[in-house]
PDB file of all heavy atoms in Angstrom:
ATOM      1  N   SER A   1       3.381   2.063 -10.112  1.00  0.00           N
ATOM      2  CA  SER A   1       3.857   0.574 -10.445  1.00  0.00           C
ATOM      3  C   SER A   1       5.226   0.230  -9.805  1.00  0.00           C
ATOM      4  O   SER A   1       5.400  -0.853  -9.292  1.00  0.00           O
ATOM      5  CB  SER A   1       3.931   0.450 -12.029  1.00  0.00           C
ATOM      6  OG  SER A   1       4.909   1.402 -12.586  1.00  0.00           O
ATOM      7  N   ASP A   2       6.136   1.244  -9.768  1.00  0.00           N
ATOM      8  CA  ASP A   2       7.433   1.015  -9.108  1.00  0.00           C
ATOM      9  C   ASP A   2       7.346   0.899  -7.617  1.00  0.00           C
ATOM     10  O   ASP A   2       7.967   0.069  -7.026  1.00  0.00           O
ATOM     11  CB  ASP A   2       8.486   1.991  -9.559  1.00  0.00           C
ATOM     12  CG  ASP A   2       8.888   1.903 -11.007  1.00  0.00           C
ATOM     13  OD1 ASP A   2       8.918   0.747 -11.507  1.00  0.00           O
ATOM     14  OD2 ASP A   2       9.149   2.974 -11.671  1.00  0.00           O
ATOM     15  N   LEU A   3       6.494   1.741  -7.088  1.00  0.00           N
ATOM     16  CA  LEU A   3       6.300   1.725  -5.661  1.00  0.00           C
ATOM     17  C   LEU A   3       5.676   0.315  -5.236  1.00  0.00           C
ATOM     18  O   LEU A   3       6.071  -0.165  -4.157  1.00  0.00           O
ATOM     19  CB  LEU A   3       5.417   2.852  -5.179  1.00  0.00           C
ATOM     20  CG  LEU A   3       5.926   4.268  -5.330  1.00  0.00           C
ATOM     21  CD1 LEU A   3       4.811   5.390  -5.130  1.00  0.00           C
ATOM     22  CD2 LEU A   3       7.017   4.506  -4.336  1.00  0.00           C
ATOM     23  N   LEU A   4       4.743  -0.134  -5.994  1.00  0.00           N
ATOM     24  CA  LEU A   4       4.160  -1.386  -5.650  1.00  0.00           C
ATOM     25  C   LEU A   4       5.092  -2.566  -5.911  1.00  0.00           C
ATOM     26  O   LEU A   4       4.927  -3.614  -5.300  1.00  0.00           O
ATOM     27  CB  LEU A   4       2.863  -1.574  -6.428  1.00  0.00           C
ATOM     28  CG  LEU A   4       1.669  -0.715  -6.140  1.00  0.00           C
ATOM     29  CD1 LEU A   4       0.623  -0.857  -7.125  1.00  0.00           C
ATOM     30  CD2 LEU A   4       1.236  -1.032  -4.700  1.00  0.00           C
ATOM     31  N   GLN A   5       6.060  -2.427  -6.821  1.00  0.00           N
ATOM     32  CA  GLN A   5       7.094  -3.523  -6.978  1.00  0.00           C
ATOM     33  C   GLN A   5       8.024  -3.518  -5.748  1.00  0.00           C
ATOM     34  O   GLN A   5       8.413  -4.668  -5.309  1.00  0.00           O
ATOM     35  CB  GLN A   5       7.894  -3.196  -8.209  1.00  0.00           C
ATOM     36  CG  GLN A   5       7.181  -3.501  -9.590  1.00  0.00           C
ATOM     37  CD  GLN A   5       7.138  -5.089  -9.799  1.00  0.00           C
ATOM     38  OE1 GLN A   5       8.035  -5.845  -9.364  1.00  0.00           O
ATOM     39  NE2 GLN A   5       5.990  -5.530 -10.376  1.00  0.00           N
ATOM     40  N   ALA A   6       8.217  -2.434  -5.214  1.00  0.00           N
ATOM     41  CA  ALA A   6       9.079  -2.302  -4.005  1.00  0.00           C
ATOM     42  C   ALA A   6       8.299  -2.678  -2.705  1.00  0.00           C
ATOM     43  O   ALA A   6       8.980  -3.421  -1.876  1.00  0.00           O
ATOM     44  CB  ALA A   6       9.644  -0.889  -3.887  1.00  0.00           C
ATOM     45  N   PHE A   7       7.177  -2.224  -2.589  1.00  0.00           N
ATOM     46  CA  PHE A   7       6.352  -2.432  -1.463  1.00  0.00           C
ATOM     47  C   PHE A   7       4.933  -2.890  -1.767  1.00  0.00           C
ATOM     48  O   PHE A   7       4.038  -2.038  -1.893  1.00  0.00           O
ATOM     49  CB  PHE A   7       6.280  -1.212  -0.511  1.00  0.00           C
ATOM     50  CG  PHE A   7       7.592  -0.572  -0.153  1.00  0.00           C
ATOM     51  CD1 PHE A   7       8.056   0.565  -0.769  1.00  0.00           C
ATOM     52  CD2 PHE A   7       8.511  -1.280   0.631  1.00  0.00           C
ATOM     53  CE1 PHE A   7       9.308   1.133  -0.578  1.00  0.00           C
ATOM     54  CE2 PHE A   7       9.750  -0.700   0.925  1.00  0.00           C
ATOM     55  CZ  PHE A   7      10.188   0.474   0.424  1.00  0.00           C
ATOM     56  N   PRO A   8       4.734  -4.128  -2.174  1.00  0.00           N
ATOM     57  CA  PRO A   8       3.436  -4.593  -2.633  1.00  0.00           C
ATOM     58  C   PRO A   8       2.266  -4.185  -1.594  1.00  0.00           C
ATOM     59  O   PRO A   8       2.469  -4.425  -0.499  1.00  0.00           O
ATOM     60  CB  PRO A   8       3.633  -6.020  -2.750  1.00  0.00           C
ATOM     61  CG  PRO A   8       5.081  -6.243  -3.001  1.00  0.00           C
ATOM     62  CD  PRO A   8       5.770  -5.243  -2.170  1.00  0.00           C
ATOM     63  N   ALA A   9       1.085  -3.765  -2.194  1.00  0.00           N
ATOM     64  CA  ALA A   9      -0.070  -3.503  -1.372  1.00  0.00           C
ATOM     65  C   ALA A   9      -1.196  -3.443  -2.269  1.00  0.00           C
ATOM     66  O   ALA A   9      -1.103  -3.380  -3.557  1.00  0.00           O
ATOM     67  CB  ALA A   9       0.190  -2.055  -0.673  1.00  0.00           C
ATOM     68  N   ASN A  10      -2.381  -3.728  -1.702  1.00  0.00           N
ATOM     69  CA  ASN A  10      -3.574  -3.812  -2.431  1.00  0.00           C
ATOM     70  C   ASN A  10      -4.218  -2.315  -2.424  1.00  0.00           C
ATOM     71  O   ASN A  10      -4.859  -1.913  -1.355  1.00  0.00           O
ATOM     72  CB  ASN A  10      -4.643  -4.781  -1.737  1.00  0.00           C
ATOM     73  CG  ASN A  10      -5.807  -4.981  -2.476  1.00  0.00           C
ATOM     74  OD1 ASN A  10      -5.941  -4.593  -3.735  1.00  0.00           O
ATOM     75  ND2 ASN A  10      -6.904  -5.325  -1.835  1.00  0.00           N
ATOM     76  N   ILE A  11      -4.157  -1.679  -3.503  1.00  0.00           N
ATOM     77  CA  ILE A  11      -4.750  -0.362  -3.611  1.00  0.00           C
ATOM     78  C   ILE A  11      -5.708  -0.182  -4.746  1.00  0.00           C
ATOM     79  O   ILE A  11      -5.340  -0.817  -5.784  1.00  0.00           O
ATOM     80  CB  ILE A  11      -3.607   0.787  -3.579  1.00  0.00           C
ATOM     81  CG1 ILE A  11      -2.669   0.615  -4.814  1.00  0.00           C
ATOM     82  CG2 ILE A  11      -2.949   0.864  -2.419  1.00  0.00           C
ATOM     83  CD1 ILE A  11      -1.715   1.668  -4.930  1.00  0.00           C
ATOM     84  N   ARG A  12      -6.654   0.560  -4.673  1.00  0.00           N
ATOM     85  CA  ARG A  12      -7.674   0.872  -5.849  1.00  0.00           C
ATOM     86  C   ARG A  12      -8.181   2.316  -5.620  1.00  0.00           C
ATOM     87  O   ARG A  12      -7.962   2.939  -4.525  1.00  0.00           O
ATOM     88  CB  ARG A  12      -8.897  -0.198  -5.607  1.00  0.00           C
ATOM     89  CG  ARG A  12      -8.561  -1.647  -5.768  1.00  0.00           C
ATOM     90  CD  ARG A  12      -8.171  -2.021  -7.188  1.00  0.00           C
ATOM     91  NE  ARG A  12      -8.106  -3.519  -7.273  1.00  0.00           N
ATOM     92  CZ  ARG A  12      -6.969  -4.148  -7.016  1.00  0.00           C
ATOM     93  NH1 ARG A  12      -5.824  -3.505  -6.671  1.00  0.00           N
ATOM     94  NH2 ARG A  12      -6.884  -5.433  -7.198  1.00  0.00           N
ATOM     95  N   ILE A  13      -8.922   2.701  -6.589  1.00  0.00           N
ATOM     96  CA  ILE A  13      -9.616   4.110  -6.436  1.00  0.00           C
ATOM     97  C   ILE A  13     -11.062   3.901  -5.933  1.00  0.00           C
ATOM     98  O   ILE A  13     -11.696   2.975  -6.574  1.00  0.00           O
ATOM     99  CB  ILE A  13      -9.556   4.675  -7.794  1.00  0.00           C
ATOM    100  CG1 ILE A  13      -8.218   4.879  -8.343  1.00  0.00           C
ATOM    101  CG2 ILE A  13     -10.198   6.013  -7.795  1.00  0.00           C
ATOM    102  CD1 ILE A  13      -7.224   5.727  -7.409  1.00  0.00           C
ATOM    103  N   TYR A  14     -11.485   4.611  -5.012  1.00  0.00           N
ATOM    104  CA  TYR A  14     -12.750   4.497  -4.436  1.00  0.00           C
ATOM    105  C   TYR A  14     -13.514   5.935  -4.386  1.00  0.00           C
ATOM    106  O   TYR A  14     -12.817   6.956  -4.332  1.00  0.00           O
ATOM    107  CB  TYR A  14     -12.684   3.910  -2.976  1.00  0.00           C
ATOM    108  CG  TYR A  14     -12.195   2.549  -2.970  1.00  0.00           C
ATOM    109  CD1 TYR A  14     -10.785   2.304  -2.754  1.00  0.00           C
ATOM    110  CD2 TYR A  14     -13.038   1.416  -2.981  1.00  0.00           C
ATOM    111  CE1 TYR A  14     -10.345   1.024  -2.805  1.00  0.00           C
ATOM    112  CE2 TYR A  14     -12.528   0.180  -3.005  1.00  0.00           C
ATOM    113  CZ  TYR A  14     -11.149  -0.126  -2.878  1.00  0.00           C
ATOM    114  OH  TYR A  14     -10.772  -1.316  -2.848  1.00  0.00           O
ATOM    115  N   GLN A  15     -14.787   5.866  -4.442  1.00  0.00           N
ATOM    116  CA  GLN A  15     -15.653   6.961  -4.206  1.00  0.00           C
ATOM    117  C   GLN A  15     -16.181   6.911  -2.833  1.00  0.00           C
ATOM    118  O   GLN A  15     -16.794   5.885  -2.424  1.00  0.00           O
ATOM    119  CB  GLN A  15     -16.700   7.070  -5.338  1.00  0.00           C
ATOM    120  CG  GLN A  15     -17.630   8.248  -5.167  1.00  0.00           C
ATOM    121  CD  GLN A  15     -16.962   9.557  -5.368  1.00  0.00           C
ATOM    122  OE1 GLN A  15     -16.055   9.718  -6.209  1.00  0.00           O
ATOM    123  NE2 GLN A  15     -17.222  10.508  -4.510  1.00  0.00           N
ATOM    124  N   HIS A  16     -16.250   8.176  -2.122  1.00  0.00           N
ATOM    125  CA  HIS A  16     -16.856   8.307  -0.841  1.00  0.00           C
ATOM    126  C   HIS A  16     -17.453   9.661  -0.795  1.00  0.00           C
ATOM    127  O   HIS A  16     -17.131  10.569  -1.535  1.00  0.00           O
ATOM    128  CB  HIS A  16     -15.724   8.105   0.192  1.00  0.00           C
ATOM    129  CG  HIS A  16     -16.262   8.243   1.622  1.00  0.00           C
ATOM    130  ND1 HIS A  16     -16.142   9.325   2.312  1.00  0.00           N
ATOM    131  CD2 HIS A  16     -16.816   7.171   2.415  1.00  0.00           C
ATOM    132  CE1 HIS A  16     -16.703   8.988   3.608  1.00  0.00           C
ATOM    133  NE2 HIS A  16     -17.028   7.740   3.693  1.00  0.00           N
ATOM    134  N   ALA A  17     -18.323   9.900   0.181  1.00  0.00           N
ATOM    135  CA  ALA A  17     -18.949  11.113   0.389  1.00  0.00           C
ATOM    136  C   ALA A  17     -18.008  12.286   0.616  1.00  0.00           C
ATOM    137  O   ALA A  17     -18.318  13.398   0.250  1.00  0.00           O
ATOM    138  CB  ALA A  17     -19.954  11.068   1.591  1.00  0.00           C
ATOM    139  N   SER A  18     -16.868  12.001   1.118  1.00  0.00           N
ATOM    140  CA  SER A  18     -15.839  12.945   1.413  1.00  0.00           C
ATOM    141  C   SER A  18     -15.045  13.232   0.106  1.00  0.00           C
ATOM    142  O   SER A  18     -14.161  14.174   0.191  1.00  0.00           O
ATOM    143  CB  SER A  18     -14.951  12.514   2.536  1.00  0.00           C
ATOM    144  OG  SER A  18     -14.212  11.337   2.234  1.00  0.00           O
ATOM    145  N   GLY A  19     -15.191  12.395  -0.914  1.00  0.00           N
ATOM    146  CA  GLY A  19     -14.400  12.601  -2.142  1.00  0.00           C
ATOM    147  C   GLY A  19     -13.822  11.268  -2.621  1.00  0.00           C
ATOM    148  O   GLY A  19     -13.677  10.306  -1.919  1.00  0.00           O
ATOM    149  N   THR A  20     -13.324  11.306  -3.863  1.00  0.00           N
ATOM    150  CA  THR A  20     -12.620  10.234  -4.401  1.00  0.00           C
ATOM    151  C   THR A  20     -11.257  10.003  -3.823  1.00  0.00           C
ATOM    152  O   THR A  20     -10.533  11.069  -3.542  1.00  0.00           O
ATOM    153  CB  THR A  20     -12.488  10.341  -5.966  1.00  0.00           C
ATOM    154  OG1 THR A  20     -13.798  10.475  -6.455  1.00  0.00           O
ATOM    155  CG2 THR A  20     -11.802   9.171  -6.592  1.00  0.00           C
ATOM    156  N   TYR A  21     -10.794   8.812  -3.581  1.00  0.00           N
ATOM    157  CA  TYR A  21      -9.481   8.621  -2.951  1.00  0.00           C
ATOM    158  C   TYR A  21      -8.847   7.280  -3.334  1.00  0.00           C
ATOM    159  O   TYR A  21      -9.605   6.426  -3.821  1.00  0.00           O
ATOM    160  CB  TYR A  21      -9.605   8.676  -1.331  1.00  0.00           C
ATOM    161  CG  TYR A  21     -10.334   7.422  -0.703  1.00  0.00           C
ATOM    162  CD1 TYR A  21      -9.541   6.529  -0.098  1.00  0.00           C
ATOM    163  CD2 TYR A  21     -11.684   7.408  -0.711  1.00  0.00           C
ATOM    164  CE1 TYR A  21     -10.154   5.357   0.522  1.00  0.00           C
ATOM    165  CE2 TYR A  21     -12.335   6.269  -0.054  1.00  0.00           C
ATOM    166  CZ  TYR A  21     -11.514   5.375   0.604  1.00  0.00           C
ATOM    167  OH  TYR A  21     -12.185   4.275   1.181  1.00  0.00           O
ATOM    168  N   ARG A  22      -7.599   7.312  -3.172  1.00  0.00           N
ATOM    169  CA  ARG A  22      -6.830   6.028  -3.412  1.00  0.00           C
ATOM    170  C   ARG A  22      -6.772   5.301  -2.064  1.00  0.00           C
ATOM    171  O   ARG A  22      -6.202   5.752  -1.097  1.00  0.00           O
ATOM    172  CB  ARG A  22      -5.449   6.267  -3.879  1.00  0.00           C
ATOM    173  CG  ARG A  22      -4.667   5.126  -4.306  1.00  0.00           C
ATOM    174  CD  ARG A  22      -3.327   5.501  -4.974  1.00  0.00           C
ATOM    175  NE  ARG A  22      -2.441   6.030  -4.001  1.00  0.00           N
ATOM    176  CZ  ARG A  22      -1.689   7.231  -4.194  1.00  0.00           C
ATOM    177  NH1 ARG A  22      -1.872   7.883  -5.351  1.00  0.00           N
ATOM    178  NH2 ARG A  22      -0.927   7.634  -3.338  1.00  0.00           N
ATOM    179  N   GLY A  23      -7.539   4.154  -2.067  1.00  0.00           N
ATOM    180  CA  GLY A  23      -7.589   3.417  -0.770  1.00  0.00           C
ATOM    181  C   GLY A  23      -6.785   2.248  -0.757  1.00  0.00           C
ATOM    182  O   GLY A  23      -6.652   1.516  -1.782  1.00  0.00           O
ATOM    183  N   ARG A  24      -6.387   1.761   0.399  1.00  0.00           N
ATOM    184  CA  ARG A  24      -5.592   0.609   0.626  1.00  0.00           C
ATOM    185  C   ARG A  24      -6.259  -0.393   1.634  1.00  0.00           C
ATOM    186  O   ARG A  24      -6.747   0.098   2.629  1.00  0.00           O
ATOM    187  CB  ARG A  24      -4.276   0.944   1.150  1.00  0.00           C
ATOM    188  CG  ARG A  24      -3.325  -0.265   1.416  1.00  0.00           C
ATOM    189  CD  ARG A  24      -1.845   0.187   1.783  1.00  0.00           C
ATOM    190  NE  ARG A  24      -1.819   0.799   3.171  1.00  0.00           N
ATOM    191  CZ  ARG A  24      -1.739   0.159   4.261  1.00  0.00           C
ATOM    192  NH1 ARG A  24      -1.904  -1.210   4.308  1.00  0.00           N
ATOM    193  NH2 ARG A  24      -1.708   0.786   5.448  1.00  0.00           N
ATOM    194  N   THR A  25      -6.193  -1.643   1.342  1.00  0.00           N
ATOM    195  CA  THR A  25      -6.773  -2.633   2.259  1.00  0.00           C
ATOM    196  C   THR A  25      -5.700  -3.647   2.515  1.00  0.00           C
ATOM    197  O   THR A  25      -4.728  -3.812   1.762  1.00  0.00           O
ATOM    198  CB  THR A  25      -8.016  -3.363   1.562  1.00  0.00           C
ATOM    199  OG1 THR A  25      -7.657  -3.955   0.391  1.00  0.00           O
ATOM    200  CG2 THR A  25      -9.121  -2.438   1.469  1.00  0.00           C
ATOM    201  N   GLY A  26      -5.813  -4.297   3.612  1.00  0.00           N
ATOM    202  CA  GLY A  26      -4.816  -5.430   4.064  1.00  0.00           C
ATOM    203  C   GLY A  26      -3.499  -4.850   4.465  1.00  0.00           C
ATOM    204  O   GLY A  26      -3.352  -3.725   4.961  1.00  0.00           O
ATOM    205  N   GLU A  27      -2.469  -5.581   4.296  1.00  0.00           N
ATOM    206  CA  GLU A  27      -1.177  -5.187   4.857  1.00  0.00           C
ATOM    207  C   GLU A  27      -0.226  -4.886   3.750  1.00  0.00           C
ATOM    208  O   GLU A  27      -0.334  -5.210   2.571  1.00  0.00           O
ATOM    209  CB  GLU A  27      -0.507  -6.327   5.649  1.00  0.00           C
ATOM    210  CG  GLU A  27      -1.281  -6.651   6.950  1.00  0.00           C
ATOM    211  CD  GLU A  27      -0.670  -7.863   7.621  1.00  0.00           C
ATOM    212  OE1 GLU A  27      -0.505  -8.986   6.999  1.00  0.00           O
ATOM    213  OE2 GLU A  27      -0.533  -7.787   8.859  1.00  0.00           O
ATOM    214  N   ILE A  28       0.864  -4.047   4.021  1.00  0.00           N
ATOM    215  CA  ILE A  28       1.872  -3.802   3.123  1.00  0.00           C
ATOM    216  C   ILE A  28       2.976  -4.821   3.234  1.00  0.00           C
ATOM    217  O   ILE A  28       3.276  -5.245   4.363  1.00  0.00           O
ATOM    218  CB  ILE A  28       2.467  -2.278   3.433  1.00  0.00           C
ATOM    219  CG1 ILE A  28       1.468  -1.325   3.180  1.00  0.00           C
ATOM    220  CG2 ILE A  28       3.614  -2.083   2.489  1.00  0.00           C
ATOM    221  CD1 ILE A  28       1.900   0.122   3.596  1.00  0.00           C
ATOM    222  N   GLN A  29       3.549  -5.197   2.078  1.00  0.00           N
ATOM    223  CA  GLN A  29       4.699  -6.210   2.098  1.00  0.00           C
ATOM    224  C   GLN A  29       6.017  -5.496   1.914  1.00  0.00           C
ATOM    225  O   GLN A  29       6.176  -4.449   1.201  1.00  0.00           O
ATOM    226  CB  GLN A  29       4.406  -7.144   1.024  1.00  0.00           C
ATOM    227  CG  GLN A  29       3.057  -7.900   0.971  1.00  0.00           C
ATOM    228  CD  GLN A  29       2.931  -8.712   2.155  1.00  0.00           C
ATOM    229  OE1 GLN A  29       3.817  -9.619   2.539  1.00  0.00           O
ATOM    230  NE2 GLN A  29       1.821  -8.517   2.947  1.00  0.00           N
ATOM    231  N   ILE A  30       6.958  -6.041   2.615  1.00  0.00           N
ATOM    232  CA  ILE A  30       8.269  -5.483   2.623  1.00  0.00           C
ATOM    233  C   ILE A  30       9.374  -6.690   2.357  1.00  0.00           C
ATOM    234  O   ILE A  30       8.970  -7.798   2.820  1.00  0.00           O
ATOM    235  CB  ILE A  30       8.723  -4.566   3.785  1.00  0.00           C
ATOM    236  CG1 ILE A  30       8.651  -5.574   5.123  1.00  0.00           C
ATOM    237  CG2 ILE A  30       7.817  -3.403   3.904  1.00  0.00           C
ATOM    238  CD1 ILE A  30       9.238  -4.816   6.352  1.00  0.00           C
ATOM    239  N   PRO A  31      10.521  -6.331   1.904  1.00  0.00           N
ATOM    240  CA  PRO A  31      11.472  -7.468   1.697  1.00  0.00           C
ATOM    241  C   PRO A  31      12.105  -7.896   3.132  1.00  0.00           C
ATOM    242  O   PRO A  31      12.044  -6.993   4.068  1.00  0.00           O
ATOM    243  CB  PRO A  31      12.593  -6.769   0.892  1.00  0.00           C
ATOM    244  CG  PRO A  31      12.470  -5.345   1.188  1.00  0.00           C
ATOM    245  CD  PRO A  31      11.065  -5.070   1.299  1.00  0.00           C
ATOM    246  N   PRO A  32      12.460  -9.136   3.251  1.00  0.00           N
ATOM    247  CA  PRO A  32      12.880  -9.716   4.564  1.00  0.00           C
ATOM    248  C   PRO A  32      13.989  -8.904   5.114  1.00  0.00           C
ATOM    249  O   PRO A  32      14.071  -8.645   6.375  1.00  0.00           O
ATOM    250  CB  PRO A  32      13.242 -11.100   4.289  1.00  0.00           C
ATOM    251  CG  PRO A  32      12.528 -11.492   3.118  1.00  0.00           C
ATOM    252  CD  PRO A  32      12.392 -10.279   2.294  1.00  0.00           C
ATOM    253  N   GLU A  33      14.966  -8.314   4.261  1.00  0.00           N
ATOM    254  CA  GLU A  33      16.049  -7.647   4.776  1.00  0.00           C
ATOM    255  C   GLU A  33      15.703  -6.321   5.456  1.00  0.00           C
ATOM    256  O   GLU A  33      16.396  -5.744   6.279  1.00  0.00           O
ATOM    257  CB  GLU A  33      17.107  -7.333   3.711  1.00  0.00           C
ATOM    258  CG  GLU A  33      16.578  -6.442   2.658  1.00  0.00           C
ATOM    259  CD  GLU A  33      16.053  -7.104   1.373  1.00  0.00           C
ATOM    260  OE1 GLU A  33      15.626  -8.251   1.590  1.00  0.00           O
ATOM    261  OE2 GLU A  33      16.184  -6.620   0.186  1.00  0.00           O
ATOM    262  N   LEU A  34      14.373  -5.717   5.218  1.00  0.00           N
ATOM    263  CA  LEU A  34      13.988  -4.608   5.934  1.00  0.00           C
ATOM    264  C   LEU A  34      13.058  -4.874   7.046  1.00  0.00           C
ATOM    265  O   LEU A  34      12.664  -3.942   7.773  1.00  0.00           O
ATOM    266  CB  LEU A  34      13.268  -3.697   4.827  1.00  0.00           C
ATOM    267  CG  LEU A  34      14.064  -3.118   3.683  1.00  0.00           C
ATOM    268  CD1 LEU A  34      13.224  -2.170   2.857  1.00  0.00           C
ATOM    269  CD2 LEU A  34      15.322  -2.412   4.266  1.00  0.00           C
ATOM    270  N   ALA A  35      12.759  -6.070   7.335  1.00  0.00           N
ATOM    271  CA  ALA A  35      11.899  -6.430   8.476  1.00  0.00           C
ATOM    272  C   ALA A  35      12.603  -6.133   9.741  1.00  0.00           C
ATOM    273  O   ALA A  35      13.721  -6.407   9.990  1.00  0.00           O
ATOM    274  CB  ALA A  35      11.470  -7.969   8.366  1.00  0.00           C
ATOM    275  N   GLY A  36      11.746  -5.443  10.605  1.00  0.00           N
ATOM    276  CA  GLY A  36      12.378  -5.001  11.871  1.00  0.00           C
ATOM    277  C   GLY A  36      13.124  -3.654  11.859  1.00  0.00           C
ATOM    278  O   GLY A  36      13.264  -2.982  12.807  1.00  0.00           O
ATOM    279  N   LEU A  37      13.479  -3.331  10.651  1.00  0.00           N
ATOM    280  CA  LEU A  37      14.223  -2.059  10.352  1.00  0.00           C
ATOM    281  C   LEU A  37      13.216  -1.060  10.017  1.00  0.00           C
ATOM    282  O   LEU A  37      13.220   0.117  10.545  1.00  0.00           O
ATOM    283  CB  LEU A  37      15.223  -2.193   9.269  1.00  0.00           C
ATOM    284  CG  LEU A  37      16.178  -1.160   8.864  1.00  0.00           C
ATOM    285  CD1 LEU A  37      17.399  -1.685   8.299  1.00  0.00           C
ATOM    286  CD2 LEU A  37      15.575  -0.145   7.947  1.00  0.00           C
ATOM    287  N   VAL A  38      12.264  -1.343   9.061  1.00  0.00           N
ATOM    288  CA  VAL A  38      11.205  -0.407   8.585  1.00  0.00           C
ATOM    289  C   VAL A  38      10.026  -0.633   9.549  1.00  0.00           C
ATOM    290  O   VAL A  38       9.532  -1.770   9.757  1.00  0.00           O
ATOM    291  CB  VAL A  38      10.822  -0.659   7.211  1.00  0.00           C
ATOM    292  CG1 VAL A  38       9.506   0.078   6.861  1.00  0.00           C
ATOM    293  CG2 VAL A  38      11.902  -0.237   6.314  1.00  0.00           C
ATOM    294  N   VAL A  39       9.470   0.403  10.203  1.00  0.00           N
ATOM    295  CA  VAL A  39       8.369   0.365  11.094  1.00  0.00           C
ATOM    296  C   VAL A  39       7.039   0.972  10.449  1.00  0.00           C
ATOM    297  O   VAL A  39       6.018   0.848  11.064  1.00  0.00           O
ATOM    298  CB  VAL A  39       8.675   1.072  12.356  1.00  0.00           C
ATOM    299  CG1 VAL A  39       9.868   0.330  13.063  1.00  0.00           C
ATOM    300  CG2 VAL A  39       9.058   2.569  12.226  1.00  0.00           C
TER     301      VAL A  39
END
């Protein structure tokens, strides 16, 4: 919850033939002051 407050992202739990995993879709969000600094 704190990680997502700092860096918002769309993550859910998914099932796959290779095993259950925490999956992410779309883009990660960062604060403007870190844009260009964080890669």
